[in-house]
Amino acid sequence: MWPIVSEPFDIARRDPAKKPPFWHALDYTYRFDSEDRHNRRLKEIELGRLVLAEPLSAKESLRIRNRNYIRLGGRALLTLWQNRNEIPERLWERHEETLPHTGAKVSSFAVDGLRILNPHGAACTFYLVRFGGEVRWGITPVTYNRGPNFKALVYLC
């Protein structure tokens, strides 16, 4: 069980000496759009309750409430990041893909309970990817089709 990180989620770089875990080095900034309000209830993440579900489409709002699970947001994403090497193998194996040019095996999933807007106003979400044994993060537009095996990590109620 992982306790939820108490600090607020931040992707802006305010102090050059202190970078938040998810900061963007480019000269433009992302801004918050919305977050699944049910995230505030989460105090800890129980590993057995993490499952994969279909990611939200660009037309679906985070206000759409599935009574069975919570879409993970900012502080949950920070918690996952701090414990990235302990994410259960069952969540990575289900949707392994082979990259076209390199033949490398990667696994990824969205953490789509948090929507951010890129500088052009397009809705984006975070994802975690395991590549060569290392877990990395990325930002992807919600409209980008990552294929049928791309899922979102959610928390069962």
N, C-alpha and C. Protein backbone atom coordinates (compact mmCIF):
# COMPACT_ATOMS: atom_id res chain seq x y z
N MET A 1 0.85 -1.17 0.00
CA MET A 1 0.00 0.00 0.00
C MET A 1 0.90 1.24 0.00
N TRP A 2 0.54 2.20 -0.85
CA TRP A 2 1.31 3.45 -0.94
C TRP A 2 0.47 4.62 -0.45
N PRO A 3 0.94 5.37 0.54
CA PRO A 3 0.20 6.57 0.95
C PRO A 3 0.26 7.60 -0.17
N ILE A 4 -0.85 8.30 -0.39
CA ILE A 4 -0.91 9.34 -1.42
C ILE A 4 -0.01 10.51 -1.01
N VAL A 5 0.75 11.00 -1.95
CA VAL A 5 1.63 12.16 -1.72
C VAL A 5 0.77 13.34 -1.28
N SER A 6 1.21 14.05 -0.26
CA SER A 6 0.39 15.15 0.26
C SER A 6 0.64 16.48 -0.45
N GLU A 7 1.81 16.64 -1.08
CA GLU A 7 2.09 17.92 -1.74
C GLU A 7 1.23 18.08 -2.99
N PRO A 8 0.92 19.31 -3.36
CA PRO A 8 0.10 19.51 -4.56
C PRO A 8 0.87 19.14 -5.83
N PHE A 9 0.15 18.73 -6.82
CA PHE A 9 0.74 18.37 -8.10
C PHE A 9 1.13 19.65 -8.84
N ASP A 10 2.35 19.67 -9.41
CA ASP A 10 2.82 20.87 -10.09
C ASP A 10 3.72 20.46 -11.25
N ILE A 11 3.52 21.05 -12.41
CA ILE A 11 4.42 20.79 -13.53
C ILE A 11 5.20 22.04 -13.91
N ALA A 12 4.95 23.14 -13.21
CA ALA A 12 5.66 24.38 -13.52
C ALA A 12 7.00 24.40 -12.79
N ARG A 13 7.97 25.05 -13.39
CA ARG A 13 9.29 25.17 -12.78
C ARG A 13 9.42 26.58 -12.22
N ARG A 14 9.23 26.72 -10.94
CA ARG A 14 9.26 28.04 -10.32
C ARG A 14 10.64 28.37 -9.76
N ASP A 15 11.30 27.41 -9.20
CA ASP A 15 12.61 27.61 -8.59
C ASP A 15 13.62 26.76 -9.35
N PRO A 16 14.63 27.38 -9.98
CA PRO A 16 15.59 26.60 -10.78
C PRO A 16 16.31 25.52 -9.97
N ALA A 17 16.42 25.70 -8.68
CA ALA A 17 17.11 24.71 -7.84
C ALA A 17 16.21 23.52 -7.51
N LYS A 18 14.90 23.72 -7.58
CA LYS A 18 13.96 22.66 -7.22
C LYS A 18 13.05 22.39 -8.40
N LYS A 19 13.24 21.26 -9.04
CA LYS A 19 12.37 20.87 -10.15
C LYS A 19 11.33 19.90 -9.64
N PRO A 20 10.04 20.14 -9.93
CA PRO A 20 9.06 19.12 -9.58
C PRO A 20 9.30 17.87 -10.42
N PRO A 21 8.81 16.71 -9.99
CA PRO A 21 9.05 15.48 -10.75
C PRO A 21 8.56 15.55 -12.19
N PHE A 22 7.48 16.28 -12.44
CA PHE A 22 6.92 16.38 -13.78
C PHE A 22 7.03 17.82 -14.27
N TRP A 23 8.20 18.19 -14.70
CA TRP A 23 8.35 19.53 -15.25
C TRP A 23 8.73 19.41 -16.72
N HIS A 24 8.36 20.40 -17.47
CA HIS A 24 8.60 20.40 -18.90
C HIS A 24 9.70 21.40 -19.19
N ALA A 25 10.78 20.96 -19.80
CA ALA A 25 11.96 21.80 -20.01
C ALA A 25 11.80 22.78 -21.17
N LEU A 26 10.73 22.68 -21.92
CA LEU A 26 10.56 23.56 -23.06
C LEU A 26 10.17 24.97 -22.61
N ASP A 27 10.22 25.90 -23.52
CA ASP A 27 9.97 27.29 -23.15
C ASP A 27 8.48 27.65 -23.19
N TYR A 28 7.61 26.67 -23.16
CA TYR A 28 6.19 26.94 -23.05
C TYR A 28 5.63 26.09 -21.92
N THR A 29 4.50 26.49 -21.43
CA THR A 29 3.96 25.79 -20.27
C THR A 29 2.62 25.14 -20.58
N TYR A 30 2.36 24.08 -19.87
CA TYR A 30 1.05 23.44 -19.87
C TYR A 30 0.28 24.03 -18.70
N ARG A 31 -1.02 24.01 -18.80
CA ARG A 31 -1.83 24.50 -17.68
C ARG A 31 -2.93 23.48 -17.38
N PHE A 32 -3.39 23.52 -16.14
CA PHE A 32 -4.42 22.57 -15.72
C PHE A 32 -5.74 22.84 -16.41
N ASP A 33 -6.43 21.78 -16.74
CA ASP A 33 -7.77 21.88 -17.30
C ASP A 33 -8.77 21.35 -16.28
N SER A 34 -8.65 20.08 -15.91
CA SER A 34 -9.59 19.48 -14.97
C SER A 34 -8.99 18.23 -14.35
N GLU A 35 -9.57 17.82 -13.25
CA GLU A 35 -9.14 16.61 -12.55
C GLU A 35 -10.36 15.91 -11.99
N ASP A 36 -10.36 14.59 -12.02
CA ASP A 36 -11.45 13.81 -11.43
C ASP A 36 -11.56 14.19 -9.95
N ARG A 37 -12.68 14.79 -9.59
CA ARG A 37 -12.84 15.31 -8.22
C ARG A 37 -12.81 14.21 -7.16
N HIS A 38 -13.02 12.98 -7.55
CA HIS A 38 -13.03 11.87 -6.60
C HIS A 38 -11.62 11.51 -6.12
N ASN A 39 -10.61 12.09 -6.74
CA ASN A 39 -9.24 11.86 -6.30
C ASN A 39 -8.99 12.36 -4.88
N ARG A 40 -9.72 13.38 -4.49
CA ARG A 40 -9.52 13.94 -3.15
C ARG A 40 -9.80 12.93 -2.05
N ARG A 41 -10.64 11.94 -2.36
CA ARG A 41 -10.96 10.90 -1.38
C ARG A 41 -9.82 9.93 -1.15
N LEU A 42 -8.93 9.80 -2.13
CA LEU A 42 -7.86 8.81 -2.02
C LEU A 42 -6.82 9.23 -0.99
N LYS A 43 -6.58 8.38 -0.04
CA LYS A 43 -5.55 8.61 0.98
C LYS A 43 -4.37 7.67 0.79
N GLU A 44 -4.63 6.56 0.07
CA GLU A 44 -3.58 5.58 -0.20
C GLU A 44 -3.97 4.79 -1.44
N ILE A 45 -2.96 4.17 -2.03
CA ILE A 45 -3.20 3.31 -3.19
C ILE A 45 -2.90 1.88 -2.79
N GLU A 46 -3.92 1.07 -2.84
CA GLU A 46 -3.79 -0.35 -2.57
C GLU A 46 -3.52 -1.03 -3.92
N LEU A 47 -2.39 -1.69 -4.05
CA LEU A 47 -1.95 -2.22 -5.35
C LEU A 47 -2.95 -3.16 -6.00
N GLY A 48 -3.63 -3.95 -5.22
CA GLY A 48 -4.60 -4.90 -5.77
C GLY A 48 -5.81 -4.23 -6.41
N ARG A 49 -6.00 -2.94 -6.13
CA ARG A 49 -7.16 -2.22 -6.68
C ARG A 49 -6.82 -1.43 -7.94
N LEU A 50 -5.57 -1.49 -8.38
CA LEU A 50 -5.18 -0.84 -9.63
C LEU A 50 -5.52 -1.77 -10.79
N VAL A 51 -6.30 -1.28 -11.74
CA VAL A 51 -6.68 -2.05 -12.91
C VAL A 51 -6.61 -1.16 -14.15
N LEU A 52 -6.69 -1.78 -15.32
CA LEU A 52 -6.67 -1.04 -16.57
C LEU A 52 -8.08 -0.92 -17.13
N ALA A 53 -8.39 0.23 -17.72
CA ALA A 53 -9.70 0.48 -18.32
C ALA A 53 -9.49 1.25 -19.62
N GLU A 54 -10.56 1.42 -20.37
CA GLU A 54 -10.46 2.21 -21.61
C GLU A 54 -10.18 3.66 -21.24
N PRO A 55 -9.24 4.30 -21.94
CA PRO A 55 -8.99 5.72 -21.66
C PRO A 55 -10.16 6.58 -22.12
N LEU A 56 -10.29 7.74 -21.51
CA LEU A 56 -11.34 8.67 -21.91
C LEU A 56 -11.03 9.21 -23.30
N SER A 57 -12.06 9.39 -24.09
CA SER A 57 -11.87 10.01 -25.41
C SER A 57 -11.85 11.52 -25.23
N ALA A 58 -11.51 12.22 -26.29
CA ALA A 58 -11.45 13.69 -26.23
C ALA A 58 -12.82 14.28 -25.93
N LYS A 59 -13.89 13.59 -26.32
CA LYS A 59 -15.25 14.11 -26.13
C LYS A 59 -15.78 13.83 -24.73
N GLU A 60 -15.17 12.90 -24.04
CA GLU A 60 -15.65 12.54 -22.70
C GLU A 60 -15.04 13.47 -21.67
N SER A 61 -15.85 13.85 -20.73
CA SER A 61 -15.42 14.76 -19.68
C SER A 61 -15.00 13.95 -18.45
N LEU A 62 -14.15 14.54 -17.64
CA LEU A 62 -13.77 13.88 -16.38
C LEU A 62 -14.96 13.85 -15.42
N ARG A 63 -16.01 14.59 -15.72
CA ARG A 63 -17.19 14.57 -14.88
C ARG A 63 -18.00 13.29 -15.06
N ILE A 64 -17.71 12.57 -16.15
CA ILE A 64 -18.38 11.29 -16.36
C ILE A 64 -17.93 10.38 -15.22
N ARG A 65 -18.85 9.91 -14.47
CA ARG A 65 -18.52 9.14 -13.27
C ARG A 65 -18.87 7.68 -13.48
N ASN A 66 -17.87 6.83 -13.43
CA ASN A 66 -18.11 5.40 -13.41
C ASN A 66 -18.09 5.02 -11.93
N ARG A 67 -19.13 4.42 -11.47
CA ARG A 67 -19.24 4.11 -10.04
C ARG A 67 -18.26 3.03 -9.59
N ASN A 68 -17.64 2.36 -10.53
CA ASN A 68 -16.76 1.26 -10.17
C ASN A 68 -15.32 1.68 -9.93
N TYR A 69 -14.90 2.82 -10.48
CA TYR A 69 -13.51 3.21 -10.29
C TYR A 69 -13.30 4.71 -10.35
N ILE A 70 -12.12 5.12 -9.88
CA ILE A 70 -11.70 6.52 -9.88
C ILE A 70 -10.56 6.65 -10.89
N ARG A 71 -10.64 7.64 -11.74
CA ARG A 71 -9.54 7.95 -12.66
C ARG A 71 -8.48 8.70 -11.86
N LEU A 72 -7.26 8.23 -11.90
CA LEU A 72 -6.19 8.77 -11.07
C LEU A 72 -5.75 10.14 -11.56
N GLY A 73 -5.55 11.06 -10.62
CA GLY A 73 -5.17 12.42 -10.93
C GLY A 73 -3.75 12.76 -10.47
N GLY A 74 -3.51 14.04 -10.23
CA GLY A 74 -2.18 14.57 -9.98
C GLY A 74 -1.41 13.96 -8.81
N ARG A 75 -2.00 13.98 -7.61
CA ARG A 75 -1.26 13.45 -6.45
C ARG A 75 -1.09 11.94 -6.55
N ALA A 76 -2.06 11.25 -7.16
CA ALA A 76 -1.91 9.81 -7.38
C ALA A 76 -0.79 9.55 -8.39
N LEU A 77 -0.69 10.41 -9.41
CA LEU A 77 0.39 10.29 -10.39
C LEU A 77 1.75 10.47 -9.72
N LEU A 78 1.86 11.45 -8.82
CA LEU A 78 3.11 11.63 -8.06
C LEU A 78 3.43 10.39 -7.24
N THR A 79 2.40 9.80 -6.63
CA THR A 79 2.59 8.59 -5.83
C THR A 79 3.07 7.44 -6.70
N LEU A 80 2.44 7.28 -7.87
CA LEU A 80 2.89 6.24 -8.81
C LEU A 80 4.33 6.47 -9.23
N TRP A 81 4.67 7.72 -9.49
CA TRP A 81 6.02 8.05 -9.95
C TRP A 81 7.05 7.71 -8.86
N GLN A 82 6.75 8.04 -7.62
CA GLN A 82 7.68 7.75 -6.53
C GLN A 82 7.86 6.24 -6.33
N ASN A 83 6.85 5.47 -6.73
CA ASN A 83 6.89 4.01 -6.55
C ASN A 83 6.93 3.28 -7.90
N ARG A 84 7.43 3.95 -8.93
CA ARG A 84 7.37 3.43 -10.31
C ARG A 84 8.03 2.08 -10.49
N ASN A 85 9.05 1.79 -9.71
CA ASN A 85 9.72 0.49 -9.85
C ASN A 85 8.98 -0.64 -9.14
N GLU A 86 7.91 -0.28 -8.43
CA GLU A 86 7.12 -1.29 -7.72
C GLU A 86 5.74 -1.48 -8.34
N ILE A 87 5.48 -0.85 -9.48
CA ILE A 87 4.19 -1.03 -10.14
C ILE A 87 4.08 -2.50 -10.53
N PRO A 88 2.98 -3.15 -10.18
CA PRO A 88 2.85 -4.59 -10.42
C PRO A 88 3.04 -4.97 -11.90
N GLU A 89 3.75 -6.05 -12.11
CA GLU A 89 4.05 -6.54 -13.45
C GLU A 89 2.78 -6.79 -14.27
N ARG A 90 1.71 -7.20 -13.62
CA ARG A 90 0.46 -7.51 -14.33
C ARG A 90 -0.08 -6.29 -15.08
N LEU A 91 0.24 -5.09 -14.63
CA LEU A 91 -0.23 -3.88 -15.30
C LEU A 91 0.60 -3.55 -16.53
N TRP A 92 1.84 -4.00 -16.56
CA TRP A 92 2.69 -3.74 -17.72
C TRP A 92 2.51 -4.79 -18.81
N GLU A 93 2.36 -6.05 -18.42
CA GLU A 93 2.37 -7.15 -19.39
C GLU A 93 1.19 -7.16 -20.34
N ARG A 94 0.05 -6.68 -19.92
CA ARG A 94 -1.17 -6.82 -20.69
C ARG A 94 -1.16 -6.11 -22.03
N HIS A 95 -0.34 -5.11 -22.19
CA HIS A 95 -0.42 -4.31 -23.40
C HIS A 95 0.97 -3.96 -23.93
N GLU A 96 1.81 -4.96 -23.96
CA GLU A 96 3.15 -4.74 -24.48
C GLU A 96 3.08 -4.54 -25.99
N GLU A 97 3.81 -3.56 -26.49
CA GLU A 97 3.85 -3.27 -27.92
C GLU A 97 5.29 -3.36 -28.41
N THR A 98 5.45 -3.61 -29.68
CA THR A 98 6.76 -3.61 -30.31
C THR A 98 6.88 -2.36 -31.16
N LEU A 99 7.91 -1.57 -30.91
CA LEU A 99 8.11 -0.35 -31.70
C LEU A 99 8.50 -0.71 -33.12
N PRO A 100 7.95 0.01 -34.11
CA PRO A 100 8.13 -0.38 -35.50
C PRO A 100 9.57 -0.40 -36.02
N HIS A 101 10.35 0.59 -35.75
CA HIS A 101 11.69 0.66 -36.36
C HIS A 101 12.77 -0.06 -35.56
N THR A 102 12.63 -0.06 -34.25
CA THR A 102 13.67 -0.65 -33.41
C THR A 102 13.37 -2.07 -32.97
N GLY A 103 12.09 -2.43 -32.96
CA GLY A 103 11.70 -3.75 -32.48
C GLY A 103 11.71 -3.84 -30.96
N ALA A 104 11.92 -2.70 -30.29
CA ALA A 104 11.97 -2.67 -28.82
C ALA A 104 10.57 -2.90 -28.25
N LYS A 105 10.52 -3.56 -27.11
CA LYS A 105 9.27 -3.83 -26.42
C LYS A 105 9.01 -2.71 -25.41
N VAL A 106 7.82 -2.13 -25.47
CA VAL A 106 7.43 -1.10 -24.52
C VAL A 106 6.03 -1.41 -24.00
N SER A 107 5.75 -0.93 -22.81
CA SER A 107 4.41 -1.00 -22.23
C SER A 107 4.09 0.37 -21.67
N SER A 108 2.86 0.81 -21.84
CA SER A 108 2.50 2.12 -21.32
C SER A 108 1.03 2.14 -20.94
N PHE A 109 0.67 3.10 -20.09
CA PHE A 109 -0.73 3.32 -19.75
C PHE A 109 -0.92 4.78 -19.38
N ALA A 110 -2.12 5.28 -19.65
CA ALA A 110 -2.47 6.66 -19.34
C ALA A 110 -2.82 6.78 -17.87
N VAL A 111 -2.60 7.96 -17.33
CA VAL A 111 -3.11 8.35 -16.03
C VAL A 111 -4.00 9.54 -16.35
N ASP A 112 -5.26 9.24 -16.76
CA ASP A 112 -6.08 10.27 -17.39
C ASP A 112 -7.13 10.92 -16.49
N GLY A 113 -6.95 10.83 -15.18
CA GLY A 113 -7.82 11.55 -14.26
C GLY A 113 -7.42 13.00 -14.11
N LEU A 114 -6.37 13.41 -14.82
CA LEU A 114 -5.88 14.78 -14.80
C LEU A 114 -5.75 15.23 -16.25
N ARG A 115 -6.44 16.29 -16.60
CA ARG A 115 -6.33 16.85 -17.96
C ARG A 115 -5.56 18.16 -17.87
N ILE A 116 -4.63 18.32 -18.79
CA ILE A 116 -3.90 19.58 -18.91
C ILE A 116 -4.06 20.08 -20.34
N LEU A 117 -3.82 21.35 -20.53
CA LEU A 117 -3.91 21.94 -21.86
C LEU A 117 -2.52 22.33 -22.33
N ASN A 118 -2.20 21.99 -23.57
CA ASN A 118 -0.91 22.41 -24.11
C ASN A 118 -1.03 23.88 -24.54
N PRO A 119 0.07 24.50 -24.98
CA PRO A 119 0.01 25.93 -25.33
C PRO A 119 -0.99 26.26 -26.44
N HIS A 120 -1.39 25.26 -27.22
CA HIS A 120 -2.36 25.49 -28.30
C HIS A 120 -3.79 25.23 -27.84
N GLY A 121 -3.97 24.86 -26.58
CA GLY A 121 -5.31 24.63 -26.03
C GLY A 121 -5.82 23.21 -26.20
N ALA A 122 -4.99 22.30 -26.71
CA ALA A 122 -5.41 20.91 -26.88
C ALA A 122 -5.33 20.17 -25.55
N ALA A 123 -6.37 19.39 -25.25
CA ALA A 123 -6.40 18.60 -24.02
C ALA A 123 -5.37 17.47 -24.10
N CYS A 124 -4.60 17.31 -23.04
CA CYS A 124 -3.55 16.29 -22.97
C CYS A 124 -3.68 15.54 -21.65
N THR A 125 -3.01 14.40 -21.60
CA THR A 125 -2.98 13.62 -20.38
C THR A 125 -1.58 13.02 -20.22
N PHE A 126 -1.27 12.59 -19.02
CA PHE A 126 0.01 11.96 -18.75
C PHE A 126 -0.06 10.47 -19.03
N TYR A 127 1.08 9.90 -19.31
CA TYR A 127 1.17 8.44 -19.39
C TYR A 127 2.52 8.02 -18.84
N LEU A 128 2.59 6.78 -18.38
CA LEU A 128 3.84 6.18 -17.95
C LEU A 128 4.18 5.09 -18.95
N VAL A 129 5.46 4.97 -19.27
CA VAL A 129 5.91 3.98 -20.25
C VAL A 129 7.12 3.26 -19.67
N ARG A 130 7.17 1.95 -19.89
CA ARG A 130 8.34 1.16 -19.48
C ARG A 130 9.07 0.76 -20.74
N PHE A 131 10.30 1.19 -20.82
CA PHE A 131 11.12 1.00 -22.01
C PHE A 131 12.50 0.55 -21.56
N GLY A 132 12.90 -0.64 -21.97
CA GLY A 132 14.22 -1.13 -21.58
C GLY A 132 14.39 -1.27 -20.08
N GLY A 133 13.32 -1.59 -19.37
CA GLY A 133 13.39 -1.77 -17.92
C GLY A 133 13.28 -0.48 -17.13
N GLU A 134 13.26 0.65 -17.79
CA GLU A 134 13.17 1.95 -17.11
C GLU A 134 11.77 2.55 -17.32
N VAL A 135 11.23 3.13 -16.27
CA VAL A 135 9.92 3.78 -16.36
C VAL A 135 10.13 5.27 -16.61
N ARG A 136 9.45 5.78 -17.62
CA ARG A 136 9.51 7.20 -17.96
C ARG A 136 8.09 7.74 -18.03
N TRP A 137 7.95 9.05 -18.09
CA TRP A 137 6.65 9.67 -18.22
C TRP A 137 6.59 10.47 -19.50
N GLY A 138 5.38 10.73 -19.94
CA GLY A 138 5.17 11.55 -21.12
C GLY A 138 3.82 12.23 -21.07
N ILE A 139 3.64 13.15 -21.99
CA ILE A 139 2.37 13.85 -22.14
C ILE A 139 1.89 13.58 -23.55
N THR A 140 0.63 13.23 -23.70
CA THR A 140 0.08 12.93 -25.01
C THR A 140 -1.26 13.62 -25.19
N PRO A 141 -1.54 14.14 -26.39
CA PRO A 141 -2.88 14.69 -26.63
C PRO A 141 -3.94 13.60 -26.47
N VAL A 142 -5.08 13.97 -25.93
CA VAL A 142 -6.16 13.02 -25.72
C VAL A 142 -6.64 12.47 -27.05
N THR A 143 -6.53 13.26 -28.11
CA THR A 143 -7.01 12.85 -29.43
C THR A 143 -6.05 11.91 -30.16
N TYR A 144 -4.83 11.74 -29.66
CA TYR A 144 -3.85 10.91 -30.33
C TYR A 144 -4.20 9.43 -30.14
N ASN A 145 -4.33 8.71 -31.23
CA ASN A 145 -4.68 7.29 -31.16
C ASN A 145 -3.42 6.46 -30.95
N ARG A 146 -3.25 5.94 -29.75
CA ARG A 146 -2.06 5.16 -29.42
C ARG A 146 -2.27 3.67 -29.67
N GLY A 147 -3.39 3.31 -30.27
CA GLY A 147 -3.61 1.90 -30.59
C GLY A 147 -4.59 1.24 -29.64
N PRO A 148 -5.07 0.06 -30.01
CA PRO A 148 -6.12 -0.61 -29.24
C PRO A 148 -5.66 -1.14 -27.90
N ASN A 149 -4.36 -1.32 -27.72
CA ASN A 149 -3.86 -1.88 -26.47
C ASN A 149 -3.57 -0.84 -25.41
N PHE A 150 -3.65 0.44 -25.75
CA PHE A 150 -3.35 1.52 -24.80
C PHE A 150 -4.52 1.67 -23.84
N LYS A 151 -4.26 1.57 -22.55
CA LYS A 151 -5.30 1.62 -21.53
C LYS A 151 -4.99 2.72 -20.52
N ALA A 152 -5.96 2.99 -19.67
CA ALA A 152 -5.78 3.94 -18.58
C ALA A 152 -5.74 3.18 -17.26
N LEU A 153 -4.88 3.63 -16.37
CA LEU A 153 -4.79 3.02 -15.04
C LEU A 153 -5.84 3.68 -14.16
N VAL A 154 -6.71 2.89 -13.54
CA VAL A 154 -7.76 3.41 -12.67
C VAL A 154 -7.73 2.66 -11.35
N TYR A 155 -8.45 3.22 -10.38
CA TYR A 155 -8.47 2.65 -9.03
C TYR A 155 -9.88 2.18 -8.71
N LEU A 156 -10.04 0.90 -8.41
CA LEU A 156 -11.36 0.34 -8.08
C LEU A 156 -11.87 0.91 -6.76
N CYS A 157 -13.14 1.26 -6.73
CA CYS A 157 -13.76 1.78 -5.50
C CYS A 157 -14.07 0.64 -4.55
